[in-house]
C-alpha cells in the first residue's frame, strides 16, 4: 500500500521540504513562532527529530488548499468518515479486479 499526495509533491520531493526552512515557510501566522520556540528548546537528536516531524505534519496541513473547509466540517461534525473495515473491503475489491 502506498500513500499518494493529494495536492502536489512526490515522496522524493514533498510539497513541504522536511527542513527547518521548508517547515517554517509553510506554517501560517503564529504557528511559525510556536515552531521556532519548540525548535530552540529541543536537544539535538531524537527530541529535535520529534519536533521537526510533528511540525512537518502541521506544515503539510497548512499548505492544503481545502484546510479551512475540512477543519470547519470536522468541528461541525459533518466531515465524512469511514471505518477501517470499509477501507479494507474497498482495497480487497480493487485487488480482486
PDB file of N, CA and C in Angstrom:
ATOM      1  N   UNK A   1       0.851  -1.178   0.000  1.00  0.00           N
ATOM      2  CA  UNK A   1       0.000   0.000   0.000  1.00  0.00           C
ATOM      3  C   UNK A   1       0.891   1.233   0.000  1.00  0.00           C
ATOM      4  N   UNK A   2       0.521   2.236  -0.777  1.00  0.00           N
ATOM      5  CA  UNK A   2       1.303   3.464  -0.814  1.00  0.00           C
ATOM      6  C   UNK A   2       0.377   4.661  -0.701  1.00  0.00           C
ATOM      7  N   UNK A   3       0.887   5.695  -0.105  1.00  0.00           N
ATOM      8  CA  UNK A   3       0.114   6.938   0.025  1.00  0.00           C
ATOM      9  C   UNK A   3       0.468   7.849  -1.130  1.00  0.00           C
ATOM     10  N   UNK A   4      -0.531   8.440  -1.723  1.00  0.00           N
ATOM     11  CA  UNK A   4      -0.317   9.373  -2.820  1.00  0.00           C
ATOM     12  C   UNK A   4      -0.634  10.778  -2.331  1.00  0.00           C
ATOM     13  N   UNK A   5       0.208  11.751  -2.658  1.00  0.00           N
ATOM     14  CA  UNK A   5      -0.058  13.119  -2.221  1.00  0.00           C
ATOM     15  C   UNK A   5      -1.334  13.655  -2.857  1.00  0.00           C
ATOM     16  N   UNK A   6      -2.079  14.425  -2.092  1.00  0.00           N
ATOM     17  CA  UNK A   6      -3.340  14.972  -2.567  1.00  0.00           C
ATOM     18  C   UNK A   6      -3.117  16.234  -3.380  1.00  0.00           C
ATOM     19  N   UNK A   7      -2.264  17.114  -2.926  1.00  0.00           N
ATOM     20  CA  UNK A   7      -2.071  18.412  -3.570  1.00  0.00           C
ATOM     21  C   UNK A   7      -0.593  18.657  -3.839  1.00  0.00           C
ATOM     22  N   UNK A   8      -0.060  17.991  -4.831  1.00  0.00           N
ATOM     23  CA  UNK A   8       1.311  18.249  -5.234  1.00  0.00           C
ATOM     24  C   UNK A   8       2.342  17.508  -4.403  1.00  0.00           C
ATOM     25  N   UNK A   9       3.544  17.516  -4.910  1.00  0.00           N
ATOM     26  CA  UNK A   9       4.633  16.848  -4.243  1.00  0.00           C
ATOM     27  C   UNK A   9       4.683  15.369  -4.578  1.00  0.00           C
ATOM     28  N   UNK A  10       5.832  14.772  -4.329  1.00  0.00           N
ATOM     29  CA  UNK A  10       6.034  13.345  -4.510  1.00  0.00           C
ATOM     30  C   UNK A  10       6.768  12.832  -3.284  1.00  0.00           C
ATOM     31  N   UNK A  11       6.827  11.509  -3.092  1.00  0.00           N
ATOM     32  CA  UNK A  11       7.587  11.012  -1.947  1.00  0.00           C
ATOM     33  C   UNK A  11       9.042  11.482  -1.935  1.00  0.00           C
ATOM     34  N   UNK A  12       9.641  11.610  -3.129  1.00  0.00           N
ATOM     35  CA  UNK A  12      11.033  12.061  -3.204  1.00  0.00           C
ATOM     36  C   UNK A  12      11.180  13.573  -3.066  1.00  0.00           C
ATOM     37  N   UNK A  13      10.143  14.305  -3.454  1.00  0.00           N
ATOM     38  CA  UNK A  13      10.160  15.772  -3.398  1.00  0.00           C
ATOM     39  C   UNK A  13       8.830  16.261  -2.834  1.00  0.00           C
ATOM     40  N   UNK A  14       8.679  16.192  -1.504  1.00  0.00           N
ATOM     41  CA  UNK A  14       7.397  16.601  -0.911  1.00  0.00           C
ATOM     42  C   UNK A  14       7.124  18.087  -1.120  1.00  0.00           C
ATOM     43  N   UNK A  15       5.848  18.430  -1.044  1.00  0.00           N
ATOM     44  CA  UNK A  15       5.434  19.826  -1.214  1.00  0.00           C
ATOM     45  C   UNK A  15       6.125  20.724  -0.184  1.00  0.00           C
ATOM     46  N   UNK A  16       6.267  20.220   1.028  1.00  0.00           N
ATOM     47  CA  UNK A  16       6.975  20.942   2.082  1.00  0.00           C
ATOM     48  C   UNK A  16       8.247  20.159   2.400  1.00  0.00           C
ATOM     49  N   UNK A  17       9.413  20.724   2.097  1.00  0.00           N
ATOM     50  CA  UNK A  17      10.653  20.023   2.443  1.00  0.00           C
ATOM     51  C   UNK A  17      10.735  19.793   3.960  1.00  0.00           C
ATOM     52  N   UNK A  18      11.243  18.653   4.345  1.00  0.00           N
ATOM     53  CA  UNK A  18      11.360  18.309   5.767  1.00  0.00           C
ATOM     54  C   UNK A  18      12.640  18.937   6.326  1.00  0.00           C
ATOM     55  N   UNK A  19      12.683  20.278   6.239  1.00  0.00           N
ATOM     56  CA  UNK A  19      13.801  21.065   6.747  1.00  0.00           C
ATOM     57  C   UNK A  19      13.239  22.198   7.606  1.00  0.00           C
ATOM     58  N   UNK A  20      14.091  22.815   8.385  1.00  0.00           N
ATOM     59  CA  UNK A  20      13.643  23.940   9.216  1.00  0.00           C
ATOM     60  C   UNK A  20      13.080  25.047   8.321  1.00  0.00           C
ATOM     61  N   UNK A  21      13.785  25.381   7.250  1.00  0.00           N
ATOM     62  CA  UNK A  21      13.315  26.425   6.340  1.00  0.00           C
ATOM     63  C   UNK A  21      12.033  26.045   5.621  1.00  0.00           C
ATOM     64  N   UNK A  22      11.940  24.801   5.185  1.00  0.00           N
ATOM     65  CA  UNK A  22      10.741  24.340   4.490  1.00  0.00           C
ATOM     66  C   UNK A  22       9.518  24.372   5.389  1.00  0.00           C
ATOM     67  N   UNK A  23       9.700  23.908   6.607  1.00  0.00           N
ATOM     68  CA  UNK A  23       8.593  23.882   7.567  1.00  0.00           C
ATOM     69  C   UNK A  23       8.167  25.291   7.944  1.00  0.00           C
ATOM     70  N   UNK A  24       9.139  26.127   8.300  1.00  0.00           N
ATOM     71  CA  UNK A  24       8.786  27.489   8.735  1.00  0.00           C
ATOM     72  C   UNK A  24       8.135  28.280   7.608  1.00  0.00           C
ATOM     73  N   UNK A  25       8.561  28.047   6.375  1.00  0.00           N
ATOM     74  CA  UNK A  25       7.980  28.752   5.252  1.00  0.00           C
ATOM     75  C   UNK A  25       6.540  28.355   4.958  1.00  0.00           C
ATOM     76  N   UNK A  26       6.147  27.158   5.361  1.00  0.00           N
ATOM     77  CA  UNK A  26       4.804  26.669   5.075  1.00  0.00           C
ATOM     78  C   UNK A  26       3.803  26.949   6.196  1.00  0.00           C
ATOM     79  N   UNK A  27       4.293  27.245   7.387  1.00  0.00           N
ATOM     80  CA  UNK A  27       3.390  27.452   8.521  1.00  0.00           C
ATOM     81  C   UNK A  27       2.674  28.792   8.436  1.00  0.00           C
ATOM     82  N   UNK A  28       1.442  28.793   8.900  1.00  0.00           N
ATOM     83  CA  UNK A  28       0.619  30.007   8.902  1.00  0.00           C
ATOM     84  C   UNK A  28       0.788  30.776  10.210  1.00  0.00           C
ATOM     85  N   UNK A  29       0.778  32.087  10.090  1.00  0.00           N
ATOM     86  CA  UNK A  29       0.690  33.011  11.222  1.00  0.00           C
ATOM     87  C   UNK A  29       1.536  32.671  12.430  1.00  0.00           C
ATOM     88  N   UNK A  30       0.885  32.648  13.582  1.00  0.00           N
ATOM     89  CA  UNK A  30       1.590  32.468  14.854  1.00  0.00           C
ATOM     90  C   UNK A  30       2.154  31.069  15.012  1.00  0.00           C
ATOM     91  N   UNK A  31       1.721  30.140  14.173  1.00  0.00           N
ATOM     92  CA  UNK A  31       2.256  28.779  14.260  1.00  0.00           C
ATOM     93  C   UNK A  31       3.755  28.756  13.980  1.00  0.00           C
ATOM     94  N   UNK A  32       4.222  29.672  13.131  1.00  0.00           N
ATOM     95  CA  UNK A  32       5.659  29.746  12.839  1.00  0.00           C
ATOM     96  C   UNK A  32       6.438  30.095  14.109  1.00  0.00           C
ATOM     97  N   UNK A  33       5.932  31.028  14.892  1.00  0.00           N
ATOM     98  CA  UNK A  33       6.600  31.399  16.141  1.00  0.00           C
ATOM     99  C   UNK A  33       6.585  30.235  17.126  1.00  0.00           C
ATOM    100  N   UNK A  34       5.485  29.494  17.188  1.00  0.00           N
ATOM    101  CA  UNK A  34       5.405  28.318  18.063  1.00  0.00           C
ATOM    102  C   UNK A  34       6.428  27.271  17.644  1.00  0.00           C
ATOM    103  N   UNK A  35       6.556  27.081  16.346  1.00  0.00           N
ATOM    104  CA  UNK A  35       7.535  26.130  15.815  1.00  0.00           C
ATOM    105  C   UNK A  35       8.945  26.514  16.253  1.00  0.00           C
ATOM    106  N   UNK A  36       9.311  27.785  16.064  1.00  0.00           N
ATOM    107  CA  UNK A  36      10.661  28.209  16.438  1.00  0.00           C
ATOM    108  C   UNK A  36      10.887  28.118  17.943  1.00  0.00           C
ATOM    109  N   UNK A  37       9.867  28.400  18.733  1.00  0.00           N
ATOM    110  CA  UNK A  37      10.009  28.286  20.187  1.00  0.00           C
ATOM    111  C   UNK A  37      10.320  26.847  20.590  1.00  0.00           C
ATOM    112  N   UNK A  38       9.592  25.893  20.025  1.00  0.00           N
ATOM    113  CA  UNK A  38       9.855  24.481  20.323  1.00  0.00           C
ATOM    114  C   UNK A  38      11.206  24.045  19.765  1.00  0.00           C
ATOM    115  N   UNK A  39      11.526  24.520  18.588  1.00  0.00           N
ATOM    116  CA  UNK A  39      12.785  24.167  17.945  1.00  0.00           C
ATOM    117  C   UNK A  39      13.975  24.626  18.791  1.00  0.00           C
ATOM    118  N   UNK A  40      13.900  25.830  19.303  1.00  0.00           N
ATOM    119  CA  UNK A  40      15.007  26.375  20.083  1.00  0.00           C
ATOM    120  C   UNK A  40      15.191  25.679  21.429  1.00  0.00           C
ATOM    121  N   UNK A  41      14.142  25.035  21.932  1.00  0.00           N
ATOM    122  CA  UNK A  41      14.225  24.331  23.209  1.00  0.00           C
ATOM    123  C   UNK A  41      14.631  22.867  23.063  1.00  0.00           C
ATOM    124  N   UNK A  42      14.551  22.336  21.854  1.00  0.00           N
ATOM    125  CA  UNK A  42      14.809  20.911  21.634  1.00  0.00           C
ATOM    126  C   UNK A  42      16.301  20.607  21.647  1.00  0.00           C
ATOM    127  N   UNK A  43      16.629  19.459  22.233  1.00  0.00           N
ATOM    128  CA  UNK A  43      18.010  18.969  22.234  1.00  0.00           C
ATOM    129  C   UNK A  43      18.260  18.203  20.947  1.00  0.00           C
ATOM    130  N   UNK A  44      19.496  18.281  20.461  1.00  0.00           N
ATOM    131  CA  UNK A  44      19.857  17.575  19.242  1.00  0.00           C
ATOM    132  C   UNK A  44      19.617  16.085  19.422  1.00  0.00           C
ATOM    133  N   UNK A  45      19.123  15.434  18.405  1.00  0.00           N
ATOM    134  CA  UNK A  45      18.855  14.002  18.462  1.00  0.00           C
ATOM    135  C   UNK A  45      17.375  13.725  18.347  1.00  0.00           C
ATOM    136  N   UNK A  46      16.896  12.758  19.116  1.00  0.00           N
ATOM    137  CA  UNK A  46      15.504  12.326  18.971  1.00  0.00           C
ATOM    138  C   UNK A  46      14.512  13.420  19.338  1.00  0.00           C
ATOM    139  N   UNK A  47      14.853  14.275  20.305  1.00  0.00           N
ATOM    140  CA  UNK A  47      13.936  15.354  20.680  1.00  0.00           C
ATOM    141  C   UNK A  47      13.764  16.345  19.527  1.00  0.00           C
ATOM    142  N   UNK A  48      14.855  16.742  18.907  1.00  0.00           N
ATOM    143  CA  UNK A  48      14.803  17.655  17.773  1.00  0.00           C
ATOM    144  C   UNK A  48      14.092  16.994  16.589  1.00  0.00           C
ATOM    145  N   UNK A  49      14.390  15.730  16.338  1.00  0.00           N
ATOM    146  CA  UNK A  49      13.706  14.997  15.270  1.00  0.00           C
ATOM    147  C   UNK A  49      12.201  14.964  15.504  1.00  0.00           C
ATOM    148  N   UNK A  50      11.797  14.775  16.760  1.00  0.00           N
ATOM    149  CA  UNK A  50      10.376  14.749  17.096  1.00  0.00           C
ATOM    150  C   UNK A  50       9.694  16.077  16.809  1.00  0.00           C
ATOM    151  N   UNK A  51      10.356  17.165  17.144  1.00  0.00           N
ATOM    152  CA  UNK A  51       9.803  18.500  16.874  1.00  0.00           C
ATOM    153  C   UNK A  51       9.655  18.705  15.369  1.00  0.00           C
ATOM    154  N   UNK A  52      10.692  18.360  14.616  1.00  0.00           N
ATOM    155  CA  UNK A  52      10.635  18.533  13.160  1.00  0.00           C
ATOM    156  C   UNK A  52       9.543  17.668  12.542  1.00  0.00           C
ATOM    157  N   UNK A  53       9.421  16.431  12.980  1.00  0.00           N
ATOM    158  CA  UNK A  53       8.390  15.546  12.428  1.00  0.00           C
ATOM    159  C   UNK A  53       6.985  16.055  12.736  1.00  0.00           C
ATOM    160  N   UNK A  54       6.751  16.462  13.977  1.00  0.00           N
ATOM    161  CA  UNK A  54       5.420  16.953  14.355  1.00  0.00           C
ATOM    162  C   UNK A  54       5.060  18.212  13.574  1.00  0.00           C
ATOM    163  N   UNK A  55       5.996  19.139  13.482  1.00  0.00           N
ATOM    164  CA  UNK A  55       5.698  20.393  12.802  1.00  0.00           C
ATOM    165  C   UNK A  55       5.675  20.236  11.283  1.00  0.00           C
ATOM    166  N   UNK A  56       6.371  19.242  10.741  1.00  0.00           N
ATOM    167  CA  UNK A  56       6.291  18.999   9.305  1.00  0.00           C
ATOM    168  C   UNK A  56       4.861  18.587   8.947  1.00  0.00           C
ATOM    169  N   UNK A  57       4.272  17.739   9.774  1.00  0.00           N
ATOM    170  CA  UNK A  57       2.878  17.343   9.545  1.00  0.00           C
ATOM    171  C   UNK A  57       1.939  18.537   9.591  1.00  0.00           C
ATOM    172  N   UNK A  58       2.136  19.414  10.549  1.00  0.00           N
ATOM    173  CA  UNK A  58       1.296  20.612  10.650  1.00  0.00           C
ATOM    174  C   UNK A  58       1.511  21.532   9.450  1.00  0.00           C
ATOM    175  N   UNK A  59       2.763  21.633   8.994  1.00  0.00           N
ATOM    176  CA  UNK A  59       3.063  22.472   7.836  1.00  0.00           C
ATOM    177  C   UNK A  59       2.399  21.906   6.583  1.00  0.00           C
ATOM    178  N   UNK A  60       2.399  20.587   6.447  1.00  0.00           N
ATOM    179  CA  UNK A  60       1.718  19.966   5.296  1.00  0.00           C
ATOM    180  C   UNK A  60       0.233  20.309   5.330  1.00  0.00           C
ATOM    181  N   UNK A  61      -0.373  20.268   6.509  1.00  0.00           N
ATOM    182  CA  UNK A  61      -1.786  20.634   6.623  1.00  0.00           C
ATOM    183  C   UNK A  61      -2.009  22.103   6.287  1.00  0.00           C
ATOM    184  N   UNK A  62      -1.098  22.961   6.710  1.00  0.00           N
ATOM    185  CA  UNK A  62      -1.236  24.396   6.434  1.00  0.00           C
ATOM    186  C   UNK A  62      -1.176  24.706   4.937  1.00  0.00           C
ATOM    187  N   UNK A  63      -0.544  23.844   4.142  1.00  0.00           N
ATOM    188  CA  UNK A  63      -0.450  24.104   2.707  1.00  0.00           C
ATOM    189  C   UNK A  63      -1.623  23.509   1.929  1.00  0.00           C
ATOM    190  N   UNK A  64      -2.496  22.768   2.596  1.00  0.00           N
ATOM    191  CA  UNK A  64      -3.641  22.156   1.920  1.00  0.00           C
ATOM    192  C   UNK A  64      -4.671  23.234   1.611  1.00  0.00           C
ATOM    193  N   UNK A  65      -5.022  23.435   0.337  1.00  0.00           N
ATOM    194  CA  UNK A  65      -5.974  24.484  -0.011  1.00  0.00           C
ATOM    195  C   UNK A  65      -7.372  24.239   0.559  1.00  0.00           C
ATOM    196  N   UNK A  66      -7.690  22.996   0.912  1.00  0.00           N
ATOM    197  CA  UNK A  66      -9.003  22.674   1.490  1.00  0.00           C
ATOM    198  C   UNK A  66      -8.993  22.683   3.010  1.00  0.00           C
ATOM    199  N   UNK A  67      -7.888  23.118   3.603  1.00  0.00           N
ATOM    200  CA  UNK A  67      -7.706  23.044   5.051  1.00  0.00           C
ATOM    201  C   UNK A  67      -8.842  23.693   5.831  1.00  0.00           C
ATOM    202  N   UNK A  68      -9.214  24.908   5.482  1.00  0.00           N
ATOM    203  CA  UNK A  68     -10.234  25.630   6.247  1.00  0.00           C
ATOM    204  C   UNK A  68     -11.598  24.951   6.139  1.00  0.00           C
ATOM    205  N   UNK A  69     -11.927  24.476   4.951  1.00  0.00           N
ATOM    206  CA  UNK A  69     -13.199  23.787   4.756  1.00  0.00           C
ATOM    207  C   UNK A  69     -13.237  22.474   5.542  1.00  0.00           C
ATOM    208  N   UNK A  70     -12.145  21.721   5.494  1.00  0.00           N
ATOM    209  CA  UNK A  70     -12.080  20.442   6.203  1.00  0.00           C
ATOM    210  C   UNK A  70     -12.143  20.663   7.708  1.00  0.00           C
ATOM    211  N   UNK A  71     -11.420  21.649   8.202  1.00  0.00           N
ATOM    212  CA  UNK A  71     -11.437  21.923   9.639  1.00  0.00           C
ATOM    213  C   UNK A  71     -12.834  22.330  10.103  1.00  0.00           C
ATOM    214  N   UNK A  72     -13.504  23.194   9.339  1.00  0.00           N
ATOM    215  CA  UNK A  72     -14.858  23.623   9.703  1.00  0.00           C
ATOM    216  C   UNK A  72     -15.812  22.429   9.718  1.00  0.00           C
ATOM    217  N   UNK A  73     -15.675  21.540   8.728  1.00  0.00           N
ATOM    218  CA  UNK A  73     -16.542  20.353   8.686  1.00  0.00           C
ATOM    219  C   UNK A  73     -16.250  19.429   9.859  1.00  0.00           C
ATOM    220  N   UNK A  74     -14.991  19.294  10.222  1.00  0.00           N
ATOM    221  CA  UNK A  74     -14.634  18.447  11.368  1.00  0.00           C
ATOM    222  C   UNK A  74     -15.198  19.021  12.663  1.00  0.00           C
ATOM    223  N   UNK A  75     -15.073  20.332  12.832  1.00  0.00           N
ATOM    224  CA  UNK A  75     -15.594  20.964  14.047  1.00  0.00           C
ATOM    225  C   UNK A  75     -17.116  20.917  14.106  1.00  0.00           C
ATOM    226  N   UNK A  76     -17.775  20.939  12.944  1.00  0.00           N
ATOM    227  CA  UNK A  76     -19.242  20.892  12.890  1.00  0.00           C
ATOM    228  C   UNK A  76     -19.772  19.462  12.963  1.00  0.00           C
ATOM    229  N   UNK A  77     -18.870  18.491  12.874  1.00  0.00           N
ATOM    230  CA  UNK A  77     -19.290  17.092  12.908  1.00  0.00           C
ATOM    231  C   UNK A  77     -19.868  16.607  11.594  1.00  0.00           C
ATOM    232  N   UNK A  78     -19.566  17.314  10.507  1.00  0.00           N
ATOM    233  CA  UNK A  78     -20.109  16.933   9.203  1.00  0.00           C
ATOM    234  C   UNK A  78     -19.051  16.379   8.252  1.00  0.00           C
ATOM    235  N   UNK A  79     -17.852  16.173   8.729  1.00  0.00           N
ATOM    236  CA  UNK A  79     -16.784  15.632   7.899  1.00  0.00           C
ATOM    237  C   UNK A  79     -17.059  14.159   7.634  1.00  0.00           C
ATOM    238  N   UNK A  80     -17.098  13.760   6.358  1.00  0.00           N
ATOM    239  CA  UNK A  80     -17.358  12.345   6.068  1.00  0.00           C
ATOM    240  C   UNK A  80     -16.266  11.468   6.669  1.00  0.00           C
ATOM    241  N   UNK A  81     -16.677  10.355   7.232  1.00  0.00           N
ATOM    242  CA  UNK A  81     -15.724   9.424   7.826  1.00  0.00           C
ATOM    243  C   UNK A  81     -15.962   8.033   7.253  1.00  0.00           C
ATOM    244  N   UNK A  82     -15.030   7.151   7.485  1.00  0.00           N
ATOM    245  CA  UNK A  82     -15.149   5.767   7.059  1.00  0.00           C
ATOM    246  C   UNK A  82     -14.510   4.883   8.122  1.00  0.00           C
ATOM    247  N   UNK A  83     -14.908   3.650   8.148  1.00  0.00           N
ATOM    248  CA  UNK A  83     -14.331   2.718   9.121  1.00  0.00           C
ATOM    249  C   UNK A  83     -13.163   1.979   8.480  1.00  0.00           C
ATOM    250  N   UNK A  84     -12.325   1.393   9.299  1.00  0.00           N
ATOM    251  CA  UNK A  84     -11.213   0.613   8.790  1.00  0.00           C
ATOM    252  C   UNK A  84     -11.735  -0.583   8.005  1.00  0.00           C
ATOM    253  N   UNK A  85     -12.836  -1.150   8.446  1.00  0.00           N
ATOM    254  CA  UNK A  85     -13.425  -2.280   7.738  1.00  0.00           C
ATOM    255  C   UNK A  85     -13.832  -1.889   6.310  1.00  0.00           C
ATOM    256  N   UNK A  86     -14.408  -0.692   6.151  1.00  0.00           N
ATOM    257  CA  UNK A  86     -14.793  -0.219   4.816  1.00  0.00           C
ATOM    258  C   UNK A  86     -13.564  -0.012   3.930  1.00  0.00           C
ATOM    259  N   UNK A  87     -12.518   0.528   4.507  1.00  0.00           N
ATOM    260  CA  UNK A  87     -11.283   0.749   3.754  1.00  0.00           C
ATOM    261  C   UNK A  87     -10.704  -0.579   3.289  1.00  0.00           C
ATOM    262  N   UNK A  88     -10.642  -1.557   4.192  1.00  0.00           N
ATOM    263  CA  UNK A  88     -10.096  -2.868   3.842  1.00  0.00           C
ATOM    264  C   UNK A  88     -10.951  -3.563   2.783  1.00  0.00           C
ATOM    265  N   UNK A  89     -12.276  -3.445   2.904  1.00  0.00           N
ATOM    266  CA  UNK A  89     -13.165  -4.059   1.923  1.00  0.00           C
ATOM    267  C   UNK A  89     -12.937  -3.455   0.540  1.00  0.00           C
ATOM    268  N   UNK A  90     -12.845  -2.120   0.448  1.00  0.00           N
ATOM    269  CA  UNK A  90     -12.602  -1.464  -0.843  1.00  0.00           C
ATOM    270  C   UNK A  90     -11.260  -1.868  -1.415  1.00  0.00           C
ATOM    271  N   UNK A  91     -10.264  -1.972  -0.569  1.00  0.00           N
ATOM    272  CA  UNK A  91      -8.929  -2.382  -1.021  1.00  0.00           C
ATOM    273  C   UNK A  91      -8.966  -3.802  -1.576  1.00  0.00           C
ATOM    274  N   UNK A  92      -9.646  -4.694  -0.895  1.00  0.00           N
ATOM    275  CA  UNK A  92      -9.751  -6.074  -1.371  1.00  0.00           C
ATOM    276  C   UNK A  92     -10.510  -6.131  -2.692  1.00  0.00           C
ATOM    277  N   UNK A  93     -11.557  -5.321  -2.821  1.00  0.00           N
ATOM    278  CA  UNK A  93     -12.320  -5.296  -4.072  1.00  0.00           C
ATOM    279  C   UNK A  93     -11.465  -4.808  -5.230  1.00  0.00           C
ATOM    280  N   UNK A  94     -10.625  -3.809  -4.974  1.00  0.00           N
ATOM    281  CA  UNK A  94      -9.761  -3.283  -6.030  1.00  0.00           C
ATOM    282  C   UNK A  94      -8.700  -4.302  -6.451  1.00  0.00           C
ATOM    283  N   UNK A  95      -8.138  -5.027  -5.492  1.00  0.00           N
ATOM    284  CA  UNK A  95      -7.086  -6.002  -5.847  1.00  0.00           C
ATOM    285  C   UNK A  95      -7.680  -7.233  -6.513  1.00  0.00           C
ATOM    286  N   UNK A  96      -8.974  -7.503  -6.288  1.00  0.00           N
ATOM    287  CA  UNK A  96      -9.619  -8.660  -6.912  1.00  0.00           C
ATOM    288  C   UNK A  96      -9.942  -8.394  -8.382  1.00  0.00           C
ATOM    289  N   UNK A  97      -9.972  -7.161  -8.778  1.00  0.00           N
ATOM    290  CA  UNK A  97     -10.336  -6.816 -10.171  1.00  0.00           C
ATOM    291  C   UNK A  97      -9.220  -7.032 -11.124  1.00  0.00           C
TER     292      UNK A  97
END
